[in-house]
Amino acid sequence: MRWFVLTLLIYSIVLTDTVDPVDSGITFLNVGVGDATIVRVDEKVIFIDAGPSDSILYNIDNLPKKIDLLVITHQHEDHISGARYLLERFDVREVIMPRLCDVDPIDVLYPSGAETRKTAITLLDNNDLIEYQYPLPNSMLDEKVKLKLFLPRYGDSVTDECIRVTDTPQVNDNSIVTEILSPDVKILLMGDTEKEGEFALLENQSALNVIADYQILKAGHHCSNTSSGEKFLRYVDPEILVCSTGEYNSYGHPSREVLDRADSLGIKIHLTYRDGDLFVPF
């Protein structure tokens, strides 16, 4: 089954310049130094981060003007800046982001103070787990795409820790993790989660009921050397590792150590700056 799925993915994955308005699937966008992913299930549109600038708008001309869910994995500019442009130009129904003790979400999302739309904002804490189910169109078996959102320390006994936006490692390890399950593919997106967050997720995976053997892992923190530890990669056991990063960036992403580690484990690597957008159908 594993090799069948891998073969299916190899022949199904399409490199694209724009998001198709019809196909249900997930698109990992090439946004340079940043992160942005679009999930489409029939007419439902979900963003997971939105990149570092208004460049997000050039990839989504064909999308409807309604965005059902915008997940901001954490409050760093290379993930959230594009979200402000989406909020200005689209009818965004709901935003989910982690709670920080020194950040007002309205100030983050609407820095100019021009909040013009009625968008529901949900702040995720360690003890929160949010799930969505979206019916696949034209499914004879009533199949669904399932979305699960949680923080790496879900189920941890320490749930009242104050995390400040200036504490970069803690903010990264407080990134929202997204699990996507469809009938044909299992995907895990890590935001900017680093090794400490990966360890916490492994420690708490029984509470989360997180499965192993995903086909696709969107690596934490742009495939930096602070993420994608060997124990975590072995547990998740992906067939494809997606690294969202820009070419010749000053951060040293992706890390050669991470790329070599993935290669030694037989994991195919997709670099957005080299390979472009990646579309995987559901």
Protein backbone atom coordinates (compact mmCIF):
# COMPACT_ATOMS: atom_id res chain seq x y z
CA MET A 1 0.00 0.00 0.00
CA ARG A 2 2.82 2.41 0.90
CA TRP A 3 4.50 2.02 -2.48
CA PHE A 4 1.16 2.23 -4.26
CA VAL A 5 0.47 5.55 -2.55
CA LEU A 6 3.96 6.80 -3.34
CA THR A 7 3.51 5.88 -7.01
CA LEU A 8 0.12 7.58 -7.00
CA LEU A 9 1.65 10.74 -5.56
CA ILE A 10 4.51 10.77 -8.04
CA TYR A 11 2.10 10.70 -10.98
CA SER A 12 -0.51 12.96 -9.37
CA ILE A 13 1.61 15.81 -8.05
CA VAL A 14 1.46 18.82 -10.34
CA LEU A 15 3.72 21.85 -10.31
CA THR A 16 1.58 24.92 -10.88
CA ASP A 17 1.78 28.69 -11.30
CA THR A 18 -1.72 29.44 -10.01
CA VAL A 19 -4.28 27.64 -7.90
CA ASP A 20 -6.91 25.77 -9.91
CA PRO A 21 -10.41 26.90 -8.90
CA VAL A 22 -11.95 23.43 -9.27
CA ASP A 23 -9.64 20.70 -8.01
CA SER A 24 -9.83 19.59 -4.38
CA GLY A 25 -6.37 19.27 -2.92
CA ILE A 26 -3.54 21.04 -1.16
CA THR A 27 -1.09 23.50 -2.71
CA PHE A 28 2.22 24.33 -1.04
CA LEU A 29 3.01 27.76 -2.47
CA ASN A 30 6.41 29.12 -3.39
CA VAL A 31 6.38 32.47 -1.56
CA GLY A 32 10.13 32.90 -1.13
CA VAL A 33 11.32 33.30 2.45
CA GLY A 34 8.07 32.41 4.16
CA ASP A 35 5.26 29.91 4.31
CA ALA A 36 1.82 29.62 2.70
CA THR A 37 -0.42 26.67 1.92
CA ILE A 38 -3.90 26.49 0.42
CA VAL A 39 -6.34 23.65 1.03
CA ARG A 40 -9.33 23.39 -1.29
CA VAL A 41 -12.24 20.99 -0.81
CA ASP A 42 -14.90 21.73 -3.40
CA GLU A 43 -15.91 25.35 -2.65
CA LYS A 44 -14.26 25.43 0.79
CA VAL A 45 -10.99 27.39 0.93
CA ILE A 46 -8.53 27.11 3.81
CA PHE A 47 -5.22 28.96 4.12
CA ILE A 48 -2.46 27.78 6.44
CA ASP A 49 -0.22 30.84 6.72
CA ALA A 50 -0.02 33.44 3.96
CA GLY A 51 3.61 34.27 3.35
CA PRO A 52 5.74 37.37 3.90
CA SER A 53 4.09 39.90 1.57
CA ASP A 54 1.35 40.68 -0.93
CA SER A 55 2.93 38.15 -3.30
CA ILE A 56 0.31 35.72 -2.00
CA LEU A 57 -2.27 37.59 -4.09
CA TYR A 58 -0.53 36.75 -7.38
CA ASN A 59 -1.07 33.01 -6.85
CA ILE A 60 -4.78 33.04 -6.13
CA ASP A 61 -6.51 34.95 -8.93
CA ASN A 62 -8.92 32.07 -9.56
CA LEU A 63 -10.12 31.62 -5.99
CA PRO A 64 -13.55 32.81 -4.87
CA LYS A 65 -13.67 35.92 -2.72
CA LYS A 66 -14.59 33.90 0.35
CA ILE A 67 -11.98 32.22 2.55
CA ASP A 68 -13.59 29.86 5.03
CA LEU A 69 -10.61 29.48 7.37
CA LEU A 70 -7.27 31.24 7.76
CA VAL A 71 -4.85 29.44 10.08
CA ILE A 72 -1.90 31.52 11.23
CA THR A 73 0.53 29.04 12.73
CA HIS A 74 2.38 31.72 14.71
CA GLN A 75 2.92 35.47 14.75
CA HIS A 76 6.12 35.88 12.73
CA GLU A 77 6.05 38.17 9.71
CA ASP A 78 7.12 35.58 7.12
CA HIS A 79 3.91 33.69 7.92
CA ILE A 80 1.44 36.44 8.80
CA SER A 81 2.19 39.47 6.59
CA GLY A 82 0.29 38.09 3.60
CA ALA A 83 -2.70 37.41 5.84
CA ARG A 84 -3.30 41.15 6.18
CA TYR A 85 -3.69 41.44 2.41
CA LEU A 86 -6.13 38.53 2.41
CA LEU A 87 -8.16 40.18 5.17
CA GLU A 88 -8.30 43.41 3.16
CA ARG A 89 -9.43 41.82 -0.10
CA PHE A 90 -11.34 38.67 0.83
CA ASP A 91 -14.30 37.74 2.96
CA VAL A 92 -12.41 35.75 5.60
CA ARG A 93 -14.89 33.91 7.79
CA GLU A 94 -12.58 32.67 10.57
CA VAL A 95 -8.99 33.15 11.75
CA ILE A 96 -7.25 30.75 14.14
CA MET A 97 -3.91 31.62 15.71
CA PRO A 98 -1.99 30.74 18.92
CA ARG A 99 -2.54 32.84 22.00
CA LEU A 100 0.37 35.02 23.12
CA CYS A 101 0.23 36.88 26.41
CA ASP A 102 1.52 40.21 25.05
CA VAL A 103 -0.15 40.34 21.63
CA ASP A 104 -3.62 41.60 20.77
CA PRO A 105 -4.74 39.65 17.67
CA ILE A 106 -6.58 42.70 16.31
CA ASP A 107 -3.34 44.71 16.40
CA VAL A 108 -1.51 41.89 14.61
CA LEU A 109 -4.11 41.33 11.91
CA TYR A 110 -5.18 44.95 11.40
CA PRO A 111 -2.10 47.09 12.21
CA SER A 112 -3.66 50.14 10.56
CA GLY A 113 -6.71 49.82 12.80
CA ALA A 114 -9.01 49.44 9.78
CA GLU A 115 -10.98 46.37 10.78
CA THR A 116 -13.81 46.38 8.25
CA ARG A 117 -15.06 42.80 8.15
CA LYS A 118 -16.71 40.58 10.72
CA THR A 119 -14.12 37.84 10.98
CA ALA A 120 -14.30 35.39 13.88
CA ILE A 121 -10.95 35.10 15.66
CA THR A 122 -10.10 32.02 17.72
CA LEU A 123 -6.98 31.89 19.92
CA LEU A 124 -5.59 28.40 20.40
CA ASP A 125 -4.24 27.28 23.78
CA ASN A 126 -2.33 24.13 24.75
CA ASN A 127 -5.50 22.37 25.88
CA ASP A 128 -7.41 23.11 22.65
CA LEU A 129 -7.92 20.76 19.74
CA ILE A 130 -10.07 21.88 16.81
CA GLU A 131 -11.35 19.53 14.12
CA TYR A 132 -13.13 20.16 10.81
CA GLN A 133 -14.62 17.75 8.29
CA TYR A 134 -15.24 18.69 4.66
CA PRO A 135 -17.21 16.33 2.35
CA LEU A 136 -15.42 15.47 -0.87
CA PRO A 137 -17.48 16.34 -3.95
CA ASN A 138 -18.79 13.49 -6.10
CA SER A 139 -17.81 10.87 -3.53
CA MET A 140 -19.93 7.73 -3.77
CA LEU A 141 -18.81 6.67 -0.27
CA ASP A 142 -19.50 9.98 1.50
CA GLU A 143 -15.75 10.45 1.98
CA LYS A 144 -14.40 13.48 3.83
CA VAL A 145 -11.23 15.48 4.27
CA LYS A 146 -10.45 15.86 7.97
CA LEU A 147 -8.51 18.77 9.41
CA LYS A 148 -7.09 18.75 12.95
CA LEU A 149 -5.43 21.80 14.58
CA PHE A 150 -3.46 21.70 17.82
CA LEU A 151 -0.31 22.95 19.54
CA PRO A 152 2.68 20.61 19.99
CA ARG A 153 2.20 20.57 23.77
CA TYR A 154 -1.46 19.57 23.65
CA GLY A 155 -2.18 17.47 26.72
CA ASP A 156 0.90 18.79 28.55
CA SER A 157 0.30 19.54 32.22
CA VAL A 158 1.85 23.01 31.81
CA THR A 159 -0.92 24.90 30.04
CA ASP A 160 -0.70 28.40 31.53
CA GLU A 161 2.81 29.41 30.46
CA CYS A 162 3.04 32.97 29.20
CA ILE A 163 4.73 33.08 25.80
CA ARG A 164 5.81 36.46 24.46
CA VAL A 165 6.22 37.34 20.81
CA THR A 166 9.86 38.38 21.37
CA ASP A 167 10.82 34.87 22.53
CA THR A 168 11.44 33.39 19.09
CA PRO A 169 12.22 29.76 20.05
CA GLN A 170 9.12 29.51 22.25
CA VAL A 171 6.93 31.20 19.64
CA ASN A 172 8.19 28.73 17.03
CA ASP A 173 7.52 25.76 19.31
CA ASN A 174 4.05 27.17 19.97
CA SER A 175 3.18 26.93 16.26
CA ILE A 176 -0.13 25.39 15.29
CA VAL A 177 0.33 21.90 13.89
CA THR A 178 -2.13 20.86 11.17
CA GLU A 179 -3.01 17.27 10.38
CA ILE A 180 -4.91 16.64 7.13
CA LEU A 181 -6.39 13.24 6.37
CA SER A 182 -8.02 12.45 3.05
CA PRO A 183 -8.91 9.02 1.64
CA ASP A 184 -5.71 8.98 -0.45
CA VAL A 185 -3.13 11.04 1.41
CA LYS A 186 -2.08 11.92 4.97
CA ILE A 187 -0.31 15.23 5.55
CA LEU A 188 1.28 16.92 8.58
CA LEU A 189 2.20 20.63 8.58
CA MET A 190 4.46 21.85 11.37
CA GLY A 191 4.50 25.65 11.07
CA ASP A 192 7.85 26.76 12.54
CA THR A 193 7.94 24.01 15.18
CA GLU A 194 11.49 23.17 16.21
CA LYS A 195 12.99 20.08 17.86
CA GLU A 196 11.64 20.85 21.34
CA GLY A 197 8.13 21.09 19.92
CA GLU A 198 8.68 17.89 17.94
CA PHE A 199 9.72 16.13 21.14
CA ALA A 200 6.63 17.45 22.94
CA LEU A 201 4.41 16.21 20.12
CA LEU A 202 5.95 12.75 20.33
CA GLU A 203 5.51 12.74 24.11
CA ASN A 204 1.86 13.76 23.81
CA GLN A 205 0.92 11.85 20.67
CA SER A 206 -1.29 9.42 22.60
CA ALA A 207 -3.50 12.31 23.74
CA LEU A 208 -3.54 13.68 20.21
CA ASN A 209 -4.04 10.32 18.54
CA VAL A 210 -1.55 11.48 15.92
CA ILE A 211 -0.84 8.69 13.47
CA ALA A 212 2.47 7.75 11.92
CA ASP A 213 3.31 7.07 8.29
CA TYR A 214 2.25 10.34 6.69
CA GLN A 215 2.82 10.64 2.98
CA ILE A 216 3.78 14.34 3.21
CA LEU A 217 5.46 16.34 5.98
CA LYS A 218 5.67 20.11 5.63
CA ALA A 219 8.86 20.55 7.63
CA GLY A 220 9.03 22.83 10.62
CA HIS A 221 10.93 26.13 10.42
CA HIS A 222 11.73 25.96 6.70
CA CYS A 223 13.95 22.86 7.05
CA SER A 224 16.34 24.68 9.37
CA ASN A 225 18.81 22.78 11.54
CA THR A 226 16.61 23.51 14.57
CA SER A 227 13.85 21.23 13.27
CA SER A 228 13.19 17.87 11.59
CA GLY A 229 15.13 15.78 14.12
CA GLU A 230 15.88 12.18 13.23
CA LYS A 231 13.58 10.65 15.85
CA PHE A 232 10.69 12.80 14.64
CA LEU A 233 11.32 12.01 10.98
CA ARG A 234 11.47 8.30 11.75
CA TYR A 235 8.16 8.47 13.62
CA VAL A 236 6.30 10.52 11.02
CA ASP A 237 7.98 8.47 8.26
CA PRO A 238 6.99 10.73 5.35
CA GLU A 239 7.51 9.92 1.71
CA ILE A 240 7.90 13.60 0.80
CA LEU A 241 9.40 16.43 2.88
CA VAL A 242 8.30 19.91 1.79
CA CYS A 243 10.73 22.73 2.60
CA SER A 244 9.23 26.20 2.13
CA THR A 245 12.10 28.63 1.76
CA GLY A 246 13.65 31.20 -0.54
CA GLU A 247 16.83 30.80 -2.55
CA TYR A 248 20.05 32.40 -1.23
CA ASN A 249 18.38 33.54 2.00
CA SER A 250 20.40 34.87 4.93
CA TYR A 251 19.05 32.26 7.38
CA GLY A 252 20.81 29.24 5.91
CA HIS A 253 17.53 27.50 5.02
CA PRO A 254 17.28 24.72 4.11
CA SER A 255 19.88 23.12 6.35
CA ARG A 256 22.24 20.71 4.60
CA GLU A 257 22.08 18.60 7.76
CA VAL A 258 18.31 18.23 7.44
CA LEU A 259 18.47 17.50 3.71
CA ASP A 260 21.12 14.82 4.26
CA ARG A 261 19.09 13.33 7.11
CA ALA A 262 15.99 13.12 4.97
CA ASP A 263 17.95 11.66 2.08
CA SER A 264 19.49 8.99 4.32
CA LEU A 265 15.98 7.97 5.39
CA GLY A 266 14.81 7.66 1.80
CA ILE A 267 12.58 10.75 1.95
CA LYS A 268 11.97 12.70 -1.26
CA ILE A 269 12.62 16.45 -0.81
CA HIS A 270 10.57 19.24 -2.39
CA LEU A 271 12.20 22.69 -2.16
CA THR A 272 9.72 25.42 -3.05
CA TYR A 273 12.34 27.87 -4.36
CA ARG A 274 13.76 25.16 -6.65
CA ASP A 275 10.70 23.08 -7.51
CA GLY A 276 7.93 25.69 -7.37
CA ASP A 277 4.38 25.24 -6.10
CA LEU A 278 3.33 21.72 -5.23
CA PHE A 279 -0.27 20.58 -5.75
CA VAL A 280 -1.45 17.26 -4.33
CA PRO A 281 -5.05 16.18 -5.09
CA PHE A 282 -7.37 14.68 -2.51
